[in-house]
Amino acid sequence: MENVYEGMFILDSNRYGRDPGGVSSQITDLITKLGGTVLVSRLWEERRLAYAINGQRKGTYWLTYFKLEGTKLTTLNRECEINDNIIRSLVLKVEPRIVEALVAHAKAGPGEAARRRDQAAAAARPVAAVAVEEVVVDAIGDIPADE
């Protein structure tokens, strides 16, 4: 039976920078070679690692949602370990009830997520400013007047 998985792969930033399409397509190739289907695969972000891994200080995070038989997962993990372009990987089984929402969010991309976050922050800002203003007015009202 095929399950849906979320894979987060940390790629070698130097190799990814020289050949982004070639390095990232290796993940898709690994999954399809094992009989899986990639639902969405995209760049998450590039960031400094918390600690050096194999001498690497930066990593490129690649997010992939895919369908694969559970029996092939061990082989996929082993292939990721021996691939020089993949520094680390983590594959998690996705709860079937939330697959559509996660895939839709991943397809929206980082630009869409950032736009939604900025809109939410802008909407919350006036409410916070009004609340602070009311507290200041209340505090000033308690000050006794000079006689």
N, C-alpha and C. Protein backbone atom coordinates (compact mmCIF):
# COMPACT_ATOMS: atom_id res chain seq x y z
N MET A 1 0.84 -1.19 0.00
CA MET A 1 0.00 0.00 0.00
C MET A 1 0.88 1.25 0.00
N GLU A 2 0.51 2.21 -0.83
CA GLU A 2 1.27 3.45 -0.90
C GLU A 2 0.81 4.41 0.19
N ASN A 3 1.78 5.02 0.83
CA ASN A 3 1.53 6.06 1.82
C ASN A 3 2.06 7.37 1.27
N VAL A 4 1.62 8.47 1.85
CA VAL A 4 2.16 9.78 1.49
C VAL A 4 3.18 10.16 2.55
N TYR A 5 4.32 10.64 2.09
CA TYR A 5 5.42 11.02 2.98
C TYR A 5 5.84 12.45 2.70
N GLU A 6 6.37 13.06 3.76
CA GLU A 6 7.00 14.38 3.64
C GLU A 6 8.49 14.14 3.83
N GLY A 7 9.27 14.58 2.88
CA GLY A 7 10.72 14.44 2.98
C GLY A 7 11.38 15.80 3.03
N MET A 8 12.21 16.01 4.05
CA MET A 8 13.01 17.23 4.13
C MET A 8 14.46 16.79 3.92
N PHE A 9 15.05 17.32 2.88
CA PHE A 9 16.40 16.94 2.51
C PHE A 9 17.31 18.17 2.63
N ILE A 10 18.42 18.03 3.33
CA ILE A 10 19.40 19.12 3.40
C ILE A 10 20.45 18.80 2.35
N LEU A 11 20.54 19.67 1.37
CA LEU A 11 21.46 19.47 0.26
C LEU A 11 22.74 20.27 0.47
N ASP A 12 23.82 19.80 -0.12
CA ASP A 12 25.09 20.51 -0.11
C ASP A 12 24.90 21.83 -0.87
N SER A 13 25.02 22.96 -0.18
CA SER A 13 24.76 24.28 -0.79
C SER A 13 25.73 24.59 -1.93
N ASN A 14 26.97 24.17 -1.80
CA ASN A 14 27.94 24.45 -2.86
C ASN A 14 27.57 23.71 -4.15
N ARG A 15 27.24 22.46 -4.03
CA ARG A 15 26.85 21.69 -5.22
C ARG A 15 25.52 22.17 -5.78
N TYR A 16 24.60 22.51 -4.89
CA TYR A 16 23.30 23.02 -5.35
C TYR A 16 23.49 24.35 -6.07
N GLY A 17 24.37 25.19 -5.58
CA GLY A 17 24.62 26.49 -6.22
C GLY A 17 25.18 26.35 -7.62
N ARG A 18 26.00 25.33 -7.85
CA ARG A 18 26.59 25.12 -9.17
C ARG A 18 25.60 24.47 -10.15
N ASP A 19 24.72 23.60 -9.64
CA ASP A 19 23.79 22.88 -10.50
C ASP A 19 22.47 22.63 -9.77
N PRO A 20 21.64 23.67 -9.60
CA PRO A 20 20.41 23.51 -8.83
C PRO A 20 19.47 22.45 -9.41
N GLY A 21 19.28 22.46 -10.70
CA GLY A 21 18.37 21.51 -11.32
C GLY A 21 18.86 20.08 -11.21
N GLY A 22 20.15 19.88 -11.40
CA GLY A 22 20.71 18.53 -11.35
C GLY A 22 20.68 17.94 -9.96
N VAL A 23 21.04 18.73 -8.96
CA VAL A 23 21.08 18.24 -7.58
C VAL A 23 19.67 17.96 -7.07
N SER A 24 18.75 18.88 -7.29
CA SER A 24 17.38 18.69 -6.78
C SER A 24 16.65 17.58 -7.52
N SER A 25 16.95 17.38 -8.79
CA SER A 25 16.27 16.32 -9.54
C SER A 25 16.70 14.93 -9.07
N GLN A 26 17.83 14.83 -8.39
CA GLN A 26 18.26 13.53 -7.87
C GLN A 26 17.27 12.98 -6.85
N ILE A 27 16.64 13.87 -6.09
CA ILE A 27 15.64 13.43 -5.11
C ILE A 27 14.44 12.83 -5.82
N THR A 28 13.95 13.53 -6.83
CA THR A 28 12.83 13.03 -7.62
C THR A 28 13.20 11.71 -8.28
N ASP A 29 14.41 11.63 -8.81
CA ASP A 29 14.86 10.40 -9.46
C ASP A 29 14.90 9.23 -8.49
N LEU A 30 15.37 9.47 -7.27
CA LEU A 30 15.41 8.40 -6.26
C LEU A 30 14.02 7.86 -5.98
N ILE A 31 13.07 8.76 -5.84
CA ILE A 31 11.70 8.36 -5.50
C ILE A 31 11.05 7.61 -6.66
N THR A 32 11.18 8.14 -7.87
CA THR A 32 10.56 7.49 -9.02
C THR A 32 11.23 6.15 -9.34
N LYS A 33 12.53 6.05 -9.11
CA LYS A 33 13.24 4.79 -9.34
C LYS A 33 12.70 3.67 -8.46
N LEU A 34 12.22 4.06 -7.27
CA LEU A 34 11.65 3.07 -6.33
C LEU A 34 10.16 2.85 -6.55
N GLY A 35 9.61 3.46 -7.60
CA GLY A 35 8.19 3.26 -7.92
C GLY A 35 7.27 4.27 -7.26
N GLY A 36 7.82 5.32 -6.71
CA GLY A 36 7.02 6.34 -6.05
C GLY A 36 6.56 7.43 -7.00
N THR A 37 5.72 8.29 -6.49
CA THR A 37 5.19 9.42 -7.26
C THR A 37 5.42 10.70 -6.46
N VAL A 38 6.05 11.68 -7.07
CA VAL A 38 6.29 12.96 -6.40
C VAL A 38 5.06 13.84 -6.58
N LEU A 39 4.51 14.33 -5.46
CA LEU A 39 3.34 15.21 -5.50
C LEU A 39 3.76 16.67 -5.65
N VAL A 40 4.75 17.07 -4.89
CA VAL A 40 5.31 18.41 -5.00
C VAL A 40 6.73 18.36 -4.45
N SER A 41 7.62 19.12 -5.08
CA SER A 41 9.01 19.15 -4.67
C SER A 41 9.53 20.56 -4.93
N ARG A 42 10.07 21.20 -3.88
CA ARG A 42 10.51 22.58 -4.06
C ARG A 42 11.56 22.98 -3.04
N LEU A 43 12.22 24.07 -3.34
CA LEU A 43 13.19 24.66 -2.43
C LEU A 43 12.46 25.21 -1.21
N TRP A 44 12.94 24.89 -0.03
CA TRP A 44 12.37 25.44 1.20
C TRP A 44 13.13 26.71 1.55
N GLU A 45 14.43 26.57 1.82
CA GLU A 45 15.27 27.73 2.09
C GLU A 45 16.73 27.30 2.20
N GLU A 46 17.61 28.28 2.16
CA GLU A 46 19.02 28.02 2.41
C GLU A 46 19.36 28.71 3.71
N ARG A 47 20.05 28.00 4.60
CA ARG A 47 20.36 28.60 5.89
C ARG A 47 21.64 28.03 6.46
N ARG A 48 22.14 28.74 7.44
CA ARG A 48 23.31 28.28 8.18
C ARG A 48 22.89 27.14 9.09
N LEU A 49 23.70 26.09 9.13
CA LEU A 49 23.39 24.94 9.96
C LEU A 49 23.74 25.22 11.42
N ALA A 50 23.07 24.59 12.33
CA ALA A 50 23.33 24.78 13.76
C ALA A 50 24.72 24.26 14.13
N TYR A 51 25.17 23.25 13.42
CA TYR A 51 26.51 22.70 13.63
C TYR A 51 26.99 22.16 12.28
N ALA A 52 28.30 22.08 12.13
CA ALA A 52 28.86 21.62 10.86
C ALA A 52 28.55 20.13 10.65
N ILE A 53 28.13 19.81 9.44
CA ILE A 53 27.89 18.42 9.05
C ILE A 53 28.83 18.12 7.88
N ASN A 54 29.73 17.18 8.09
CA ASN A 54 30.72 16.84 7.07
C ASN A 54 31.47 18.08 6.57
N GLY A 55 31.77 18.98 7.47
CA GLY A 55 32.50 20.20 7.12
C GLY A 55 31.64 21.29 6.50
N GLN A 56 30.36 21.05 6.33
CA GLN A 56 29.46 22.03 5.72
C GLN A 56 28.86 22.92 6.80
N ARG A 57 28.87 24.22 6.57
CA ARG A 57 28.28 25.18 7.50
C ARG A 57 26.91 25.68 7.05
N LYS A 58 26.63 25.55 5.74
CA LYS A 58 25.34 25.97 5.19
C LYS A 58 24.68 24.79 4.51
N GLY A 59 23.36 24.82 4.48
CA GLY A 59 22.63 23.76 3.80
C GLY A 59 21.44 24.33 3.05
N THR A 60 21.07 23.67 1.97
CA THR A 60 19.90 24.04 1.20
C THR A 60 18.80 23.03 1.53
N TYR A 61 17.70 23.52 2.09
CA TYR A 61 16.61 22.65 2.51
C TYR A 61 15.64 22.45 1.34
N TRP A 62 15.37 21.19 1.02
CA TRP A 62 14.49 20.84 -0.09
C TRP A 62 13.32 20.03 0.45
N LEU A 63 12.10 20.50 0.21
CA LEU A 63 10.89 19.87 0.71
C LEU A 63 10.22 19.08 -0.39
N THR A 64 9.83 17.84 -0.09
CA THR A 64 9.18 16.99 -1.08
C THR A 64 8.04 16.20 -0.42
N TYR A 65 6.90 16.18 -1.08
CA TYR A 65 5.79 15.31 -0.68
C TYR A 65 5.66 14.26 -1.78
N PHE A 66 5.58 12.99 -1.37
CA PHE A 66 5.55 11.92 -2.36
C PHE A 66 4.79 10.71 -1.84
N LYS A 67 4.36 9.87 -2.79
CA LYS A 67 3.71 8.60 -2.48
C LYS A 67 4.72 7.50 -2.73
N LEU A 68 4.77 6.54 -1.80
CA LEU A 68 5.72 5.44 -1.93
C LEU A 68 5.22 4.28 -1.07
N GLU A 69 5.50 3.08 -1.50
CA GLU A 69 5.18 1.91 -0.69
C GLU A 69 6.05 1.93 0.56
N GLY A 70 5.47 1.59 1.69
CA GLY A 70 6.19 1.61 2.95
C GLY A 70 7.40 0.68 2.96
N THR A 71 7.34 -0.40 2.20
CA THR A 71 8.46 -1.35 2.16
C THR A 71 9.68 -0.78 1.46
N LYS A 72 9.51 0.27 0.67
CA LYS A 72 10.63 0.87 -0.08
C LYS A 72 11.30 2.00 0.69
N LEU A 73 10.75 2.35 1.84
CA LEU A 73 11.27 3.48 2.61
C LEU A 73 12.70 3.24 3.10
N THR A 74 13.00 2.03 3.52
CA THR A 74 14.35 1.71 3.99
C THR A 74 15.37 1.90 2.87
N THR A 75 15.00 1.48 1.68
CA THR A 75 15.88 1.64 0.52
C THR A 75 16.09 3.12 0.21
N LEU A 76 15.03 3.91 0.28
CA LEU A 76 15.14 5.34 0.04
C LEU A 76 16.08 5.99 1.05
N ASN A 77 15.91 5.66 2.31
CA ASN A 77 16.79 6.23 3.35
C ASN A 77 18.25 5.85 3.11
N ARG A 78 18.49 4.62 2.71
CA ARG A 78 19.86 4.18 2.43
C ARG A 78 20.44 4.92 1.23
N GLU A 79 19.65 5.10 0.19
CA GLU A 79 20.11 5.83 -1.00
C GLU A 79 20.45 7.29 -0.64
N CYS A 80 19.68 7.87 0.25
CA CYS A 80 19.96 9.25 0.69
C CYS A 80 21.27 9.32 1.47
N GLU A 81 21.54 8.31 2.28
CA GLU A 81 22.77 8.29 3.07
C GLU A 81 24.02 8.21 2.19
N ILE A 82 23.95 7.50 1.08
CA ILE A 82 25.14 7.34 0.25
C ILE A 82 25.26 8.39 -0.86
N ASN A 83 24.24 9.24 -1.01
CA ASN A 83 24.28 10.30 -2.02
C ASN A 83 25.10 11.48 -1.47
N ASP A 84 26.15 11.85 -2.18
CA ASP A 84 27.04 12.93 -1.73
C ASP A 84 26.37 14.30 -1.73
N ASN A 85 25.32 14.49 -2.48
CA ASN A 85 24.64 15.78 -2.55
C ASN A 85 23.68 16.00 -1.38
N ILE A 86 23.28 14.92 -0.73
CA ILE A 86 22.33 15.01 0.39
C ILE A 86 23.11 14.89 1.69
N ILE A 87 23.12 15.98 2.48
CA ILE A 87 23.84 16.00 3.75
C ILE A 87 23.05 15.24 4.81
N ARG A 88 21.76 15.53 4.92
CA ARG A 88 20.87 14.87 5.87
C ARG A 88 19.49 14.77 5.23
N SER A 89 18.70 13.83 5.74
CA SER A 89 17.33 13.71 5.26
C SER A 89 16.44 13.20 6.40
N LEU A 90 15.19 13.59 6.32
CA LEU A 90 14.19 13.14 7.28
C LEU A 90 12.91 12.90 6.49
N VAL A 91 12.36 11.69 6.62
CA VAL A 91 11.13 11.34 5.92
C VAL A 91 10.10 10.96 6.97
N LEU A 92 8.93 11.60 6.90
CA LEU A 92 7.85 11.35 7.85
C LEU A 92 6.59 10.94 7.10
N LYS A 93 5.84 10.02 7.67
CA LYS A 93 4.56 9.62 7.09
C LYS A 93 3.54 10.70 7.41
N VAL A 94 2.76 11.07 6.40
CA VAL A 94 1.76 12.13 6.57
C VAL A 94 0.40 11.49 6.85
N GLU A 95 -0.30 12.04 7.82
CA GLU A 95 -1.66 11.61 8.15
C GLU A 95 -2.53 11.83 6.92
N PRO A 96 -3.23 10.80 6.46
CA PRO A 96 -4.03 10.91 5.23
C PRO A 96 -5.04 12.06 5.22
N ARG A 97 -5.55 12.43 6.39
CA ARG A 97 -6.57 13.50 6.45
C ARG A 97 -6.01 14.88 6.12
N ILE A 98 -4.69 15.07 6.23
CA ILE A 98 -4.12 16.40 6.01
C ILE A 98 -3.23 16.48 4.77
N VAL A 99 -3.21 15.43 3.98
CA VAL A 99 -2.35 15.39 2.79
C VAL A 99 -2.67 16.54 1.84
N GLU A 100 -3.94 16.72 1.52
CA GLU A 100 -4.32 17.76 0.55
C GLU A 100 -3.90 19.15 1.01
N ALA A 101 -4.10 19.45 2.27
CA ALA A 101 -3.75 20.77 2.80
C ALA A 101 -2.25 21.00 2.75
N LEU A 102 -1.46 20.00 3.13
CA LEU A 102 0.00 20.15 3.11
C LEU A 102 0.53 20.31 1.70
N VAL A 103 0.02 19.53 0.79
CA VAL A 103 0.48 19.62 -0.61
C VAL A 103 0.09 20.97 -1.20
N ALA A 104 -1.13 21.43 -0.93
CA ALA A 104 -1.56 22.74 -1.44
C ALA A 104 -0.69 23.86 -0.88
N HIS A 105 -0.35 23.77 0.40
CA HIS A 105 0.51 24.79 1.01
C HIS A 105 1.91 24.76 0.39
N ALA A 106 2.43 23.57 0.15
CA ALA A 106 3.77 23.45 -0.45
C ALA A 106 3.77 23.96 -1.89
N LYS A 107 2.68 23.74 -2.61
CA LYS A 107 2.60 24.23 -3.99
C LYS A 107 2.53 25.74 -4.05
N ALA A 108 1.98 26.36 -2.99
CA ALA A 108 1.87 27.81 -2.96
C ALA A 108 3.25 28.45 -2.97
N GLY A 109 4.24 27.79 -2.40
CA GLY A 109 5.61 28.29 -2.44
C GLY A 109 5.91 29.26 -1.33
N PRO A 110 7.19 29.58 -1.18
CA PRO A 110 7.60 30.48 -0.10
C PRO A 110 7.08 31.90 -0.27
N GLY A 111 6.92 32.36 -1.51
CA GLY A 111 6.43 33.72 -1.74
C GLY A 111 5.01 33.89 -1.24
N GLU A 112 4.18 32.91 -1.50
CA GLU A 112 2.78 32.95 -1.06
C GLU A 112 2.69 32.89 0.46
N ALA A 113 3.49 32.03 1.07
CA ALA A 113 3.48 31.91 2.53
C ALA A 113 3.94 33.22 3.17
N ALA A 114 4.96 33.84 2.61
CA ALA A 114 5.46 35.11 3.14
C ALA A 114 4.41 36.20 2.98
N ARG A 115 3.69 36.20 1.85
CA ARG A 115 2.64 37.20 1.62
C ARG A 115 1.52 37.04 2.65
N ARG A 116 1.12 35.80 2.93
CA ARG A 116 0.07 35.56 3.93
C ARG A 116 0.53 35.98 5.32
N ARG A 117 1.79 35.70 5.65
CA ARG A 117 2.34 36.08 6.96
C ARG A 117 2.35 37.59 7.09
N ASP A 118 2.77 38.30 6.04
CA ASP A 118 2.81 39.76 6.08
C ASP A 118 1.41 40.36 6.21
N GLN A 119 0.44 39.76 5.52
CA GLN A 119 -0.94 40.24 5.63
C GLN A 119 -1.48 40.05 7.04
N ALA A 120 -1.17 38.91 7.64
CA ALA A 120 -1.63 38.64 9.00
C ALA A 120 -0.99 39.62 9.98
N ALA A 121 0.30 39.91 9.79
CA ALA A 121 0.99 40.85 10.67
C ALA A 121 0.43 42.25 10.51
N ALA A 122 0.12 42.64 9.28
CA ALA A 122 -0.44 43.98 9.04
C ALA A 122 -1.84 44.09 9.65
N ALA A 123 -2.61 43.03 9.58
CA ALA A 123 -3.96 43.04 10.15
C ALA A 123 -3.92 43.10 11.67
N ALA A 124 -2.92 42.48 12.28
CA ALA A 124 -2.82 42.45 13.74
C ALA A 124 -2.25 43.75 14.30
N ARG A 125 -1.46 44.45 13.53
CA ARG A 125 -0.77 45.66 14.00
C ARG A 125 -1.72 46.73 14.51
N PRO A 126 -2.76 47.13 13.79
CA PRO A 126 -3.65 48.18 14.30
C PRO A 126 -4.34 47.79 15.61
N VAL A 127 -4.71 46.54 15.77
CA VAL A 127 -5.37 46.10 16.99
C VAL A 127 -4.42 46.26 18.17
N ALA A 128 -3.17 45.87 18.00
CA ALA A 128 -2.18 45.98 19.06
C ALA A 128 -1.93 47.45 19.40
N ALA A 129 -1.87 48.30 18.40
CA ALA A 129 -1.62 49.72 18.63
C ALA A 129 -2.77 50.35 19.41
N VAL A 130 -4.00 49.99 19.08
CA VAL A 130 -5.17 50.53 19.79
C VAL A 130 -5.15 50.06 21.24
N ALA A 131 -4.82 48.80 21.47
CA ALA A 131 -4.79 48.26 22.82
C ALA A 131 -3.76 48.98 23.67
N VAL A 132 -2.59 49.24 23.14
CA VAL A 132 -1.55 49.96 23.87
C VAL A 132 -2.00 51.39 24.14
N GLU A 133 -2.63 52.02 23.17
CA GLU A 133 -3.10 53.39 23.32
C GLU A 133 -4.13 53.47 24.45
N GLU A 134 -5.04 52.51 24.54
CA GLU A 134 -6.05 52.51 25.59
C GLU A 134 -5.41 52.35 26.97
N VAL A 135 -4.40 51.52 27.08
CA VAL A 135 -3.71 51.33 28.36
C VAL A 135 -3.04 52.63 28.78
N VAL A 136 -2.40 53.31 27.83
CA VAL A 136 -1.73 54.57 28.15
C VAL A 136 -2.75 55.60 28.60
N VAL A 137 -3.88 55.70 27.94
CA VAL A 137 -4.92 56.65 28.32
C VAL A 137 -5.45 56.32 29.71
N ASP A 138 -5.67 55.04 30.01
CA ASP A 138 -6.14 54.64 31.33
C ASP A 138 -5.12 55.01 32.40
N ALA A 139 -3.86 54.80 32.12
CA ALA A 139 -2.81 55.11 33.09
C ALA A 139 -2.72 56.61 33.34
N ILE A 140 -2.88 57.39 32.29
CA ILE A 140 -2.81 58.85 32.45
C ILE A 140 -4.02 59.36 33.22
N GLY A 141 -5.16 58.74 33.03
CA GLY A 141 -6.37 59.16 33.75
C GLY A 141 -6.25 58.96 35.24
N ASP A 142 -5.41 58.07 35.72
CA ASP A 142 -5.25 57.81 37.15
C ASP A 142 -4.28 58.77 37.82
N ILE A 143 -3.61 59.61 37.07
CA ILE A 143 -2.64 60.55 37.65
C ILE A 143 -3.41 61.72 38.24
N PRO A 144 -3.14 62.04 39.51
CA PRO A 144 -3.86 63.18 40.10
C PRO A 144 -3.42 64.49 39.48
N ALA A 145 -4.36 65.40 39.33
CA ALA A 145 -4.06 66.70 38.74
C ALA A 145 -3.32 67.57 39.75
N ASP A 146 -2.45 68.47 39.25
CA ASP A 146 -1.73 69.40 40.13
C ASP A 146 -2.71 70.39 40.73
N GLU A 147 -2.50 70.66 42.01
CA GLU A 147 -3.42 71.60 42.66
C GLU A 147 -2.75 72.90 42.93
